[in-house]
Structure formats: structure tokens, C-alpha cells
Amino acid sequence: AAQQPNKLTRIEPKPVQNAASTQHNELIQRVNKSLEGDREAVQRPDCNTPFESFPDAFRKLMKYHIFFEPDTKDSYIKRVDKLHDEISTKLSRRKDNLFKKYYSRIMEDATRPIPKSAESSVVVTILQQRLLEDKEELQKMKDEVRKATAAKAREEQRETENISPNPGGEFD
């Protein structure tokens, strides 16, 4: 299987401060350009042309330096593994503590007779709004009943006025 070249980490030039900084930034730009050229050459190798000499072979194969990974000492690997284990254990403990903390809070909320969470306040607000709407509707109904009762009373009064015992004065 063909290896992919390592991702090149570009070094960004620093803002120009003096002549030395300018030369340093130019050097960084040349190194970055050279690495990009080597990466391009490795991705499109010339497999059809044989090496002409040792310097030619060196020049053509040197571009593969981007695959080079230095040997790592066992002591360094052990130290990194130990550090990784310590950090992993610490993070795992922190995660477990957070889970316990939030689990206990959830259980505390669940055992309260009236939850004090944001959801319950929203429910209470909705119920209060519905109660207010129901009161307004009840008041409207009472007003309509009063109006209807008053209208019926006036109508009955008119009817009783129209049926008088002596409309034409016949028994005078």
C-alpha cells in the first residue's frame, strides 16, 4: 500500500520588525515552498526514467524525506503512555463525578412534590393563562345572562302593560 505523505505543518512568517526578521521570514517561505514542491514530486513520481548516477538517484529519492519519522526512544514512549493513562484516568473520574452530580440533581427534582424546574414554571404559567381566559369567558357568559334576563323582564313588563283589565274603559 502506498504511504501518504505526512501533512506539512506550515510555519507562518512573523510580522516584519527589522532586517533580521525579514530574512527569517524569507527563509521560512523558501522552506515551505520547498516542502510543497517535494510533496508534489512524491505524489507524481517519474517511474519510467532510470537513475543516471548516484547524485541523480540522491536528488530524486531525497524528496521522500517527508515520509521520514525519527526513531523514538522507548523511555519517551513509556513516559507518554504513562502521561496518557494519568490524564485519561483523571478525565474519566471528572466525567463520573459530573454524572453523579447531575444524576443526584435529577433524582432530587424527581422526588419533589412540585418540581421547581423551568418546565414546571412554564406549565404553571400556561395553567394561569388558561385560568385567566376561563374567568374572562365566565364573566362574558354572566354578562350575557344578565342582559338576557333584563331583556326578558322588560318584555314581560311590556306584555303586562299591553294587557290591562280596562283597555277601553268599558266598566266605568
N, C-alpha and C. Protein backbone atom coordinates (compact mmCIF):
# COMPACT_ATOMS: atom_id res chain seq x y z
N ALA A 1 0.85 -1.18 0.00
CA ALA A 1 0.00 0.00 0.00
C ALA A 1 0.88 1.23 0.00
N ALA A 2 0.51 2.19 -0.80
CA ALA A 2 1.31 3.41 -0.91
C ALA A 2 1.06 4.28 0.31
N GLN A 3 2.15 4.81 0.85
CA GLN A 3 2.01 5.69 2.00
C GLN A 3 1.66 7.09 1.53
N GLN A 4 0.86 7.76 2.31
CA GLN A 4 0.54 9.14 2.03
C GLN A 4 1.56 10.02 2.74
N PRO A 5 1.98 11.10 2.11
CA PRO A 5 2.92 11.97 2.80
C PRO A 5 2.28 12.60 4.02
N ASN A 6 3.11 12.83 5.04
CA ASN A 6 2.62 13.48 6.25
C ASN A 6 2.10 14.86 5.91
N LYS A 7 1.13 15.32 6.66
CA LYS A 7 0.63 16.66 6.44
C LYS A 7 1.74 17.64 6.79
N LEU A 8 1.98 18.56 5.91
CA LEU A 8 3.01 19.54 6.16
C LEU A 8 2.47 20.60 7.09
N THR A 9 3.20 20.84 8.12
CA THR A 9 2.80 21.92 9.01
C THR A 9 3.51 23.17 8.54
N ARG A 10 2.71 24.08 8.07
CA ARG A 10 3.27 25.33 7.56
C ARG A 10 3.68 26.20 8.72
N ILE A 11 4.82 26.80 8.58
CA ILE A 11 5.29 27.76 9.56
C ILE A 11 4.94 29.13 9.00
N GLU A 12 4.17 29.87 9.75
CA GLU A 12 3.75 31.18 9.28
C GLU A 12 4.81 32.22 9.64
N PRO A 13 5.17 33.05 8.66
CA PRO A 13 6.15 34.10 8.94
C PRO A 13 5.61 35.10 9.95
N LYS A 14 6.53 35.64 10.77
CA LYS A 14 6.16 36.65 11.76
C LYS A 14 6.07 38.01 11.08
N PRO A 15 5.31 38.93 11.66
CA PRO A 15 5.26 40.27 11.09
C PRO A 15 6.66 40.89 11.06
N VAL A 16 6.93 41.65 10.02
CA VAL A 16 8.26 42.23 9.82
C VAL A 16 8.53 43.26 10.90
N GLN A 17 9.70 43.09 11.58
CA GLN A 17 10.08 44.04 12.62
C GLN A 17 11.40 44.73 12.27
N ASN A 18 12.33 43.96 11.69
CA ASN A 18 13.61 44.54 11.30
C ASN A 18 14.20 43.72 10.17
N ALA A 19 15.43 44.03 9.77
CA ALA A 19 16.07 43.33 8.64
C ALA A 19 16.25 41.84 8.93
N ALA A 20 16.62 41.49 10.16
CA ALA A 20 16.81 40.08 10.52
C ALA A 20 15.48 39.33 10.42
N SER A 21 14.42 39.97 10.85
CA SER A 21 13.09 39.34 10.76
C SER A 21 12.69 39.12 9.31
N THR A 22 13.03 40.07 8.45
CA THR A 22 12.71 39.95 7.03
C THR A 22 13.43 38.76 6.43
N GLN A 23 14.72 38.60 6.75
CA GLN A 23 15.49 37.46 6.24
C GLN A 23 14.92 36.14 6.79
N HIS A 24 14.54 36.15 8.06
CA HIS A 24 13.97 34.95 8.67
C HIS A 24 12.66 34.57 7.97
N ASN A 25 11.80 35.56 7.70
CA ASN A 25 10.53 35.29 7.02
C ASN A 25 10.76 34.77 5.61
N GLU A 26 11.75 35.31 4.90
CA GLU A 26 12.06 34.83 3.56
C GLU A 26 12.54 33.39 3.60
N LEU A 27 13.34 33.05 4.60
CA LEU A 27 13.83 31.68 4.76
C LEU A 27 12.64 30.73 5.02
N ILE A 28 11.72 31.14 5.87
CA ILE A 28 10.54 30.31 6.17
C ILE A 28 9.73 30.09 4.89
N GLN A 29 9.55 31.13 4.11
CA GLN A 29 8.79 31.00 2.87
C GLN A 29 9.49 30.05 1.89
N ARG A 30 10.82 30.11 1.80
CA ARG A 30 11.55 29.20 0.90
C ARG A 30 11.42 27.75 1.37
N VAL A 31 11.51 27.52 2.68
CA VAL A 31 11.37 26.15 3.21
C VAL A 31 9.97 25.62 2.92
N ASN A 32 8.95 26.43 3.16
CA ASN A 32 7.57 26.00 2.88
C ASN A 32 7.39 25.68 1.40
N LYS A 33 7.96 26.50 0.52
CA LYS A 33 7.85 26.28 -0.92
C LYS A 33 8.57 24.98 -1.31
N SER A 34 9.73 24.74 -0.71
CA SER A 34 10.48 23.52 -1.00
C SER A 34 9.70 22.28 -0.55
N LEU A 35 9.12 22.33 0.64
CA LEU A 35 8.33 21.20 1.14
C LEU A 35 7.12 20.92 0.24
N GLU A 36 6.47 21.98 -0.21
CA GLU A 36 5.32 21.80 -1.11
C GLU A 36 5.77 21.18 -2.44
N GLY A 37 6.94 21.60 -2.95
CA GLY A 37 7.47 21.02 -4.18
C GLY A 37 7.79 19.54 -3.99
N ASP A 38 8.40 19.19 -2.85
CA ASP A 38 8.72 17.79 -2.56
C ASP A 38 7.44 16.95 -2.47
N ARG A 39 6.42 17.50 -1.85
CA ARG A 39 5.15 16.77 -1.73
C ARG A 39 4.55 16.52 -3.10
N GLU A 40 4.58 17.52 -3.97
CA GLU A 40 4.06 17.36 -5.32
C GLU A 40 4.86 16.30 -6.09
N ALA A 41 6.19 16.31 -5.94
CA ALA A 41 7.04 15.34 -6.66
C ALA A 41 6.79 13.91 -6.18
N VAL A 42 6.54 13.74 -4.90
CA VAL A 42 6.28 12.40 -4.35
C VAL A 42 4.92 11.89 -4.83
N GLN A 43 3.97 12.77 -4.98
CA GLN A 43 2.65 12.34 -5.41
C GLN A 43 2.62 11.98 -6.90
N ARG A 44 3.56 12.50 -7.69
CA ARG A 44 3.65 12.17 -9.12
C ARG A 44 5.08 11.75 -9.46
N PRO A 45 5.48 10.55 -9.03
CA PRO A 45 6.87 10.13 -9.27
C PRO A 45 7.11 9.78 -10.74
N ASP A 46 8.37 9.94 -11.17
CA ASP A 46 8.79 9.56 -12.52
C ASP A 46 9.35 8.14 -12.43
N CYS A 47 8.52 7.16 -12.73
CA CYS A 47 8.91 5.75 -12.61
C CYS A 47 9.51 5.20 -13.91
N ASN A 48 9.48 5.96 -14.98
CA ASN A 48 9.93 5.46 -16.28
C ASN A 48 11.38 5.80 -16.59
N THR A 49 11.93 6.80 -15.93
CA THR A 49 13.30 7.23 -16.20
C THR A 49 14.22 6.59 -15.17
N PRO A 50 15.24 5.82 -15.62
CA PRO A 50 16.16 5.19 -14.66
C PRO A 50 17.13 6.24 -14.08
N PHE A 51 17.74 5.88 -12.93
CA PHE A 51 18.75 6.77 -12.34
C PHE A 51 19.97 6.79 -13.24
N GLU A 52 20.52 7.97 -13.46
CA GLU A 52 21.70 8.11 -14.31
C GLU A 52 22.99 8.00 -13.51
N SER A 53 22.95 8.44 -12.26
CA SER A 53 24.14 8.41 -11.42
C SER A 53 23.71 8.45 -9.96
N PHE A 54 24.70 8.35 -9.09
CA PHE A 54 24.40 8.42 -7.66
C PHE A 54 23.81 9.78 -7.30
N PRO A 55 24.40 10.91 -7.77
CA PRO A 55 23.79 12.20 -7.44
C PRO A 55 22.36 12.33 -7.98
N ASP A 56 22.08 11.75 -9.15
CA ASP A 56 20.73 11.79 -9.72
C ASP A 56 19.77 10.99 -8.83
N ALA A 57 20.19 9.80 -8.38
CA ALA A 57 19.37 8.97 -7.50
C ALA A 57 19.13 9.70 -6.17
N PHE A 58 20.17 10.30 -5.63
CA PHE A 58 20.04 11.04 -4.37
C PHE A 58 19.03 12.18 -4.52
N ARG A 59 19.15 12.94 -5.61
CA ARG A 59 18.27 14.08 -5.85
C ARG A 59 16.82 13.61 -5.99
N LYS A 60 16.59 12.50 -6.71
CA LYS A 60 15.23 12.03 -6.92
C LYS A 60 14.62 11.40 -5.66
N LEU A 61 15.45 10.68 -4.90
CA LEU A 61 14.92 9.99 -3.73
C LEU A 61 14.85 10.88 -2.48
N MET A 62 15.60 11.94 -2.47
CA MET A 62 15.61 12.83 -1.31
C MET A 62 14.25 13.47 -1.07
N LYS A 63 13.45 13.57 -2.11
CA LYS A 63 12.13 14.17 -1.97
C LYS A 63 11.22 13.34 -1.05
N TYR A 64 11.57 12.07 -0.84
CA TYR A 64 10.77 11.20 0.02
C TYR A 64 11.06 11.42 1.50
N HIS A 65 11.85 12.44 1.82
CA HIS A 65 12.16 12.73 3.23
C HIS A 65 10.91 13.09 4.01
N ILE A 66 9.87 13.49 3.32
CA ILE A 66 8.65 13.87 4.04
C ILE A 66 8.00 12.67 4.72
N PHE A 67 8.40 11.42 4.33
CA PHE A 67 7.89 10.22 4.99
C PHE A 67 8.73 9.85 6.21
N PHE A 68 9.84 10.49 6.40
CA PHE A 68 10.77 10.13 7.47
C PHE A 68 10.17 10.45 8.83
N GLU A 69 10.20 9.47 9.67
CA GLU A 69 9.81 9.67 11.06
C GLU A 69 10.98 9.19 11.91
N PRO A 70 11.50 10.05 12.74
CA PRO A 70 12.66 9.64 13.54
C PRO A 70 12.31 8.53 14.52
N ASP A 71 13.28 7.71 14.84
CA ASP A 71 13.08 6.65 15.83
C ASP A 71 12.81 7.30 17.19
N THR A 72 11.87 6.72 17.88
CA THR A 72 11.50 7.25 19.18
C THR A 72 12.05 6.32 20.25
N LYS A 73 12.64 6.92 21.27
CA LYS A 73 13.21 6.12 22.35
C LYS A 73 12.09 5.49 23.18
N ASP A 74 12.37 4.28 23.69
CA ASP A 74 11.38 3.57 24.49
C ASP A 74 11.03 4.35 25.76
N SER A 75 12.02 5.03 26.33
CA SER A 75 11.74 5.78 27.56
C SER A 75 10.75 6.91 27.29
N TYR A 76 10.86 7.53 26.12
CA TYR A 76 9.92 8.60 25.76
C TYR A 76 8.52 8.03 25.55
N ILE A 77 8.44 6.89 24.87
CA ILE A 77 7.14 6.25 24.64
C ILE A 77 6.49 5.85 25.96
N LYS A 78 7.28 5.29 26.87
CA LYS A 78 6.74 4.90 28.18
C LYS A 78 6.24 6.13 28.95
N ARG A 79 7.00 7.22 28.87
CA ARG A 79 6.61 8.44 29.57
C ARG A 79 5.31 9.00 29.00
N VAL A 80 5.19 8.99 27.67
CA VAL A 80 3.97 9.48 27.03
C VAL A 80 2.78 8.57 27.38
N ASP A 81 3.00 7.25 27.37
CA ASP A 81 1.93 6.32 27.74
C ASP A 81 1.47 6.54 29.18
N LYS A 82 2.43 6.75 30.08
CA LYS A 82 2.10 6.98 31.48
C LYS A 82 1.30 8.28 31.63
N LEU A 83 1.74 9.31 30.94
CA LEU A 83 1.03 10.59 30.98
C LEU A 83 -0.38 10.45 30.41
N HIS A 84 -0.47 9.71 29.31
CA HIS A 84 -1.79 9.47 28.70
C HIS A 84 -2.71 8.74 29.67
N ASP A 85 -2.19 7.72 30.34
CA ASP A 85 -3.00 6.97 31.30
C ASP A 85 -3.45 7.86 32.46
N GLU A 86 -2.55 8.71 32.96
CA GLU A 86 -2.91 9.60 34.07
C GLU A 86 -4.00 10.58 33.66
N ILE A 87 -3.84 11.17 32.49
CA ILE A 87 -4.83 12.14 32.02
C ILE A 87 -6.17 11.45 31.75
N SER A 88 -6.12 10.26 31.15
CA SER A 88 -7.36 9.52 30.87
C SER A 88 -8.09 9.18 32.17
N THR A 89 -7.35 8.73 33.17
CA THR A 89 -7.96 8.39 34.45
C THR A 89 -8.58 9.62 35.09
N LYS A 90 -7.85 10.73 35.05
CA LYS A 90 -8.35 11.98 35.64
C LYS A 90 -9.62 12.43 34.94
N LEU A 91 -9.62 12.40 33.62
CA LEU A 91 -10.81 12.82 32.87
C LEU A 91 -11.98 11.88 33.11
N SER A 92 -11.70 10.59 33.22
CA SER A 92 -12.75 9.62 33.49
C SER A 92 -13.38 9.87 34.86
N ARG A 93 -12.56 10.17 35.86
CA ARG A 93 -13.08 10.49 37.20
C ARG A 93 -13.94 11.74 37.16
N ARG A 94 -13.46 12.76 36.44
CA ARG A 94 -14.23 14.01 36.34
C ARG A 94 -15.58 13.76 35.68
N LYS A 95 -15.57 12.94 34.61
CA LYS A 95 -16.82 12.61 33.93
C LYS A 95 -17.77 11.88 34.88
N ASP A 96 -17.24 10.91 35.61
CA ASP A 96 -18.07 10.15 36.56
C ASP A 96 -18.64 11.07 37.65
N ASN A 97 -17.81 12.00 38.15
CA ASN A 97 -18.29 12.93 39.17
C ASN A 97 -19.40 13.83 38.62
N LEU A 98 -19.25 14.29 37.38
CA LEU A 98 -20.29 15.12 36.77
C LEU A 98 -21.59 14.32 36.61
N PHE A 99 -21.47 13.07 36.16
CA PHE A 99 -22.65 12.24 36.01
C PHE A 99 -23.34 12.03 37.35
N LYS A 100 -22.56 11.75 38.40
CA LYS A 100 -23.14 11.57 39.73
C LYS A 100 -23.83 12.84 40.20
N LYS A 101 -23.18 13.97 39.98
CA LYS A 101 -23.74 15.26 40.40
C LYS A 101 -25.07 15.52 39.73
N TYR A 102 -25.14 15.37 38.41
CA TYR A 102 -26.37 15.65 37.69
C TYR A 102 -27.43 14.57 37.93
N TYR A 103 -27.01 13.34 38.14
CA TYR A 103 -27.96 12.28 38.46
C TYR A 103 -28.63 12.58 39.79
N SER A 104 -27.83 13.01 40.78
CA SER A 104 -28.41 13.32 42.09
C SER A 104 -29.36 14.50 42.00
N ARG A 105 -29.04 15.48 41.17
CA ARG A 105 -29.94 16.63 41.00
C ARG A 105 -31.24 16.21 40.30
N ILE A 106 -31.13 15.35 39.32
CA ILE A 106 -32.33 14.87 38.63
C ILE A 106 -33.20 14.08 39.61
N MET A 107 -32.58 13.22 40.40
CA MET A 107 -33.34 12.44 41.37
C MET A 107 -33.97 13.35 42.41
N GLU A 108 -33.26 14.39 42.83
CA GLU A 108 -33.79 15.35 43.80
C GLU A 108 -35.02 16.06 43.22
N ASP A 109 -34.93 16.48 41.97
CA ASP A 109 -36.07 17.13 41.31
C ASP A 109 -37.24 16.16 41.17
N ALA A 110 -36.93 14.91 40.88
CA ALA A 110 -38.00 13.92 40.65
C ALA A 110 -38.74 13.60 41.94
N THR A 111 -38.08 13.71 43.09
CA THR A 111 -38.73 13.36 44.35
C THR A 111 -39.48 14.52 44.97
N ARG A 112 -39.33 15.72 44.47
CA ARG A 112 -40.06 16.87 45.00
C ARG A 112 -41.53 16.75 44.60
N PRO A 113 -42.44 17.15 45.50
CA PRO A 113 -43.85 17.07 45.13
C PRO A 113 -44.20 18.05 44.01
N ILE A 114 -43.62 19.21 44.04
CA ILE A 114 -43.82 20.18 42.97
C ILE A 114 -42.43 20.54 42.44
N PRO A 115 -42.09 20.09 41.23
CA PRO A 115 -40.76 20.38 40.70
C PRO A 115 -40.57 21.88 40.52
N LYS A 116 -39.37 22.34 40.80
CA LYS A 116 -39.04 23.76 40.68
C LYS A 116 -38.22 24.04 39.43
N SER A 117 -38.28 23.14 38.51
CA SER A 117 -37.50 23.32 37.29
C SER A 117 -38.17 24.32 36.38
N ALA A 118 -37.51 24.68 35.32
CA ALA A 118 -38.03 25.65 34.35
C ALA A 118 -39.29 25.12 33.68
N GLU A 119 -39.35 23.81 33.46
CA GLU A 119 -40.52 23.22 32.82
C GLU A 119 -41.76 23.42 33.67
N SER A 120 -41.63 23.24 34.98
CA SER A 120 -42.81 23.39 35.83
C SER A 120 -43.27 24.83 35.86
N SER A 121 -42.35 25.78 35.82
CA SER A 121 -42.77 27.18 35.80
C SER A 121 -43.48 27.51 34.50
N VAL A 122 -43.09 26.89 33.41
CA VAL A 122 -43.78 27.09 32.14
C VAL A 122 -45.18 26.49 32.22
N VAL A 123 -45.30 25.32 32.80
CA VAL A 123 -46.61 24.68 32.96
C VAL A 123 -47.50 25.54 33.84
N VAL A 124 -46.97 26.05 34.95
CA VAL A 124 -47.75 26.90 35.84
C VAL A 124 -48.21 28.15 35.10
N THR A 125 -47.32 28.75 34.33
CA THR A 125 -47.68 29.94 33.56
C THR A 125 -48.80 29.64 32.57
N ILE A 126 -48.70 28.53 31.89
CA ILE A 126 -49.75 28.13 30.92
C ILE A 126 -51.08 27.91 31.65
N LEU A 127 -51.04 27.22 32.79
CA LEU A 127 -52.27 26.98 33.55
C LEU A 127 -52.87 28.29 34.05
N GLN A 128 -52.02 29.21 34.52
CA GLN A 128 -52.53 30.50 34.97
C GLN A 128 -53.17 31.27 33.82
N GLN A 129 -52.56 31.20 32.65
CA GLN A 129 -53.12 31.87 31.47
C GLN A 129 -54.48 31.27 31.10
N ARG A 130 -54.58 29.95 31.14
CA ARG A 130 -55.86 29.29 30.84
C ARG A 130 -56.92 29.65 31.87
N LEU A 131 -56.52 29.71 33.15
CA LEU A 131 -57.46 30.08 34.20
C LEU A 131 -57.98 31.50 33.98
N LEU A 132 -57.09 32.41 33.62
CA LEU A 132 -57.49 33.79 33.34
C LEU A 132 -58.45 33.85 32.15
N GLU A 133 -58.16 33.08 31.11
CA GLU A 133 -59.05 33.03 29.94
C GLU A 133 -60.42 32.48 30.33
N ASP A 134 -60.44 31.43 31.16
CA ASP A 134 -61.70 30.84 31.60
C ASP A 134 -62.50 31.83 32.44
N LYS A 135 -61.82 32.59 33.31
CA LYS A 135 -62.51 33.60 34.12
C LYS A 135 -63.14 34.67 33.23
N GLU A 136 -62.39 35.10 32.21
CA GLU A 136 -62.91 36.11 31.29
C GLU A 136 -64.14 35.57 30.54
N GLU A 137 -64.06 34.33 30.10
CA GLU A 137 -65.18 33.72 29.38
C GLU A 137 -66.41 33.58 30.30
N LEU A 138 -66.18 33.20 31.56
CA LEU A 138 -67.26 33.09 32.52
C LEU A 138 -67.91 34.45 32.77
N GLN A 139 -67.10 35.48 32.87
CA GLN A 139 -67.63 36.83 33.07
C GLN A 139 -68.50 37.26 31.88
N LYS A 140 -68.03 36.94 30.67
CA LYS A 140 -68.82 37.27 29.47
C LYS A 140 -70.16 36.54 29.49
N MET A 141 -70.14 35.27 29.90
CA MET A 141 -71.37 34.49 29.96
C MET A 141 -72.33 35.09 31.00
N LYS A 142 -71.80 35.49 32.17
CA LYS A 142 -72.64 36.11 33.20
C LYS A 142 -73.28 37.39 32.68
N ASP A 143 -72.47 38.20 31.97
CA ASP A 143 -72.99 39.45 31.40
C ASP A 143 -74.11 39.15 30.40
N GLU A 144 -73.93 38.14 29.56
CA GLU A 144 -74.96 37.78 28.58
C GLU A 144 -76.24 37.31 29.27
N VAL A 145 -76.07 36.53 30.35
CA VAL A 145 -77.25 36.04 31.10
C VAL A 145 -77.98 37.23 31.72
N ARG A 146 -77.23 38.18 32.30
CA ARG A 146 -77.87 39.37 32.90
C ARG A 146 -78.63 40.16 31.83
N LYS A 147 -77.99 40.35 30.67
CA LYS A 147 -78.65 41.09 29.60
C LYS A 147 -79.91 40.36 29.13
N ALA A 148 -79.80 39.06 28.99
CA ALA A 148 -80.96 38.27 28.54
C ALA A 148 -82.07 38.31 29.57
N THR A 149 -81.69 38.23 30.85
CA THR A 149 -82.68 38.27 31.92
C THR A 149 -83.36 39.64 31.95
N ALA A 150 -82.57 40.69 31.81
CA ALA A 150 -83.14 42.05 31.81
C ALA A 150 -84.04 42.25 30.60
N ALA A 151 -83.64 41.75 29.45
CA ALA A 151 -84.46 41.88 28.24
C ALA A 151 -85.77 41.13 28.41
N LYS A 152 -85.73 39.95 28.98
CA LYS A 152 -86.94 39.15 29.20
C LYS A 152 -87.86 39.84 30.19
N ALA A 153 -87.27 40.43 31.23
CA ALA A 153 -88.08 41.13 32.23
C ALA A 153 -88.76 42.33 31.59
N ARG A 154 -88.05 43.08 30.73
CA ARG A 154 -88.66 44.23 30.05
C ARG A 154 -89.79 43.77 29.12
N GLU A 155 -89.55 42.66 28.43
CA GLU A 155 -90.56 42.14 27.51
C GLU A 155 -91.80 41.71 28.26
N GLU A 156 -91.62 41.04 29.39
CA GLU A 156 -92.76 40.62 30.20
C GLU A 156 -93.51 41.83 30.74
N GLN A 157 -92.76 42.86 31.10
CA GLN A 157 -93.40 44.07 31.61
C GLN A 157 -94.22 44.74 30.51
N ARG A 158 -93.71 44.77 29.29
CA ARG A 158 -94.45 45.35 28.17
C ARG A 158 -95.72 44.54 27.91
N GLU A 159 -95.58 43.24 27.97
CA GLU A 159 -96.76 42.40 27.74
C GLU A 159 -97.82 42.64 28.80
N THR A 160 -97.39 42.79 30.04
CA THR A 160 -98.38 43.04 31.11
C THR A 160 -99.00 44.42 30.97
N GLU A 161 -98.25 45.37 30.45
CA GLU A 161 -98.79 46.71 30.25
C GLU A 161 -99.81 46.70 29.10
N ASN A 162 -99.54 45.91 28.06
CA ASN A 162 -100.45 45.83 26.93
C ASN A 162 -101.75 45.11 27.29
N ILE A 163 -101.75 44.23 28.25
CA ILE A 163 -102.96 43.51 28.67
C ILE A 163 -103.45 44.17 29.96
N SER A 164 -104.09 45.23 29.82
CA SER A 164 -104.64 45.86 31.02
C SER A 164 -106.11 45.41 31.17
N PRO A 165 -106.71 45.34 32.41
CA PRO A 165 -108.07 44.88 32.60
C PRO A 165 -109.10 45.85 32.05
N ASN A 166 -108.79 47.11 31.85
CA ASN A 166 -109.73 48.11 31.37
C ASN A 166 -109.14 48.88 30.21
N PRO A 167 -108.95 48.24 29.06
CA PRO A 167 -108.30 48.96 27.98
C PRO A 167 -109.17 50.04 27.39
N GLY A 168 -110.45 49.79 27.21
CA GLY A 168 -111.30 50.79 26.59
C GLY A 168 -112.21 51.53 27.59
N GLY A 169 -112.16 51.20 28.79
CA GLY A 169 -112.98 51.83 29.81
C GLY A 169 -114.40 51.35 29.80
N GLU A 170 -114.62 50.09 29.49
CA GLU A 170 -115.97 49.56 29.36
C GLU A 170 -116.71 49.46 30.69
N PHE A 171 -115.98 49.29 31.79
CA PHE A 171 -116.69 49.08 33.07
C PHE A 171 -116.72 50.33 33.94
N ASP A 172 -116.63 51.45 33.38
CA ASP A 172 -116.66 52.67 34.17
C ASP A 172 -118.03 53.14 34.47
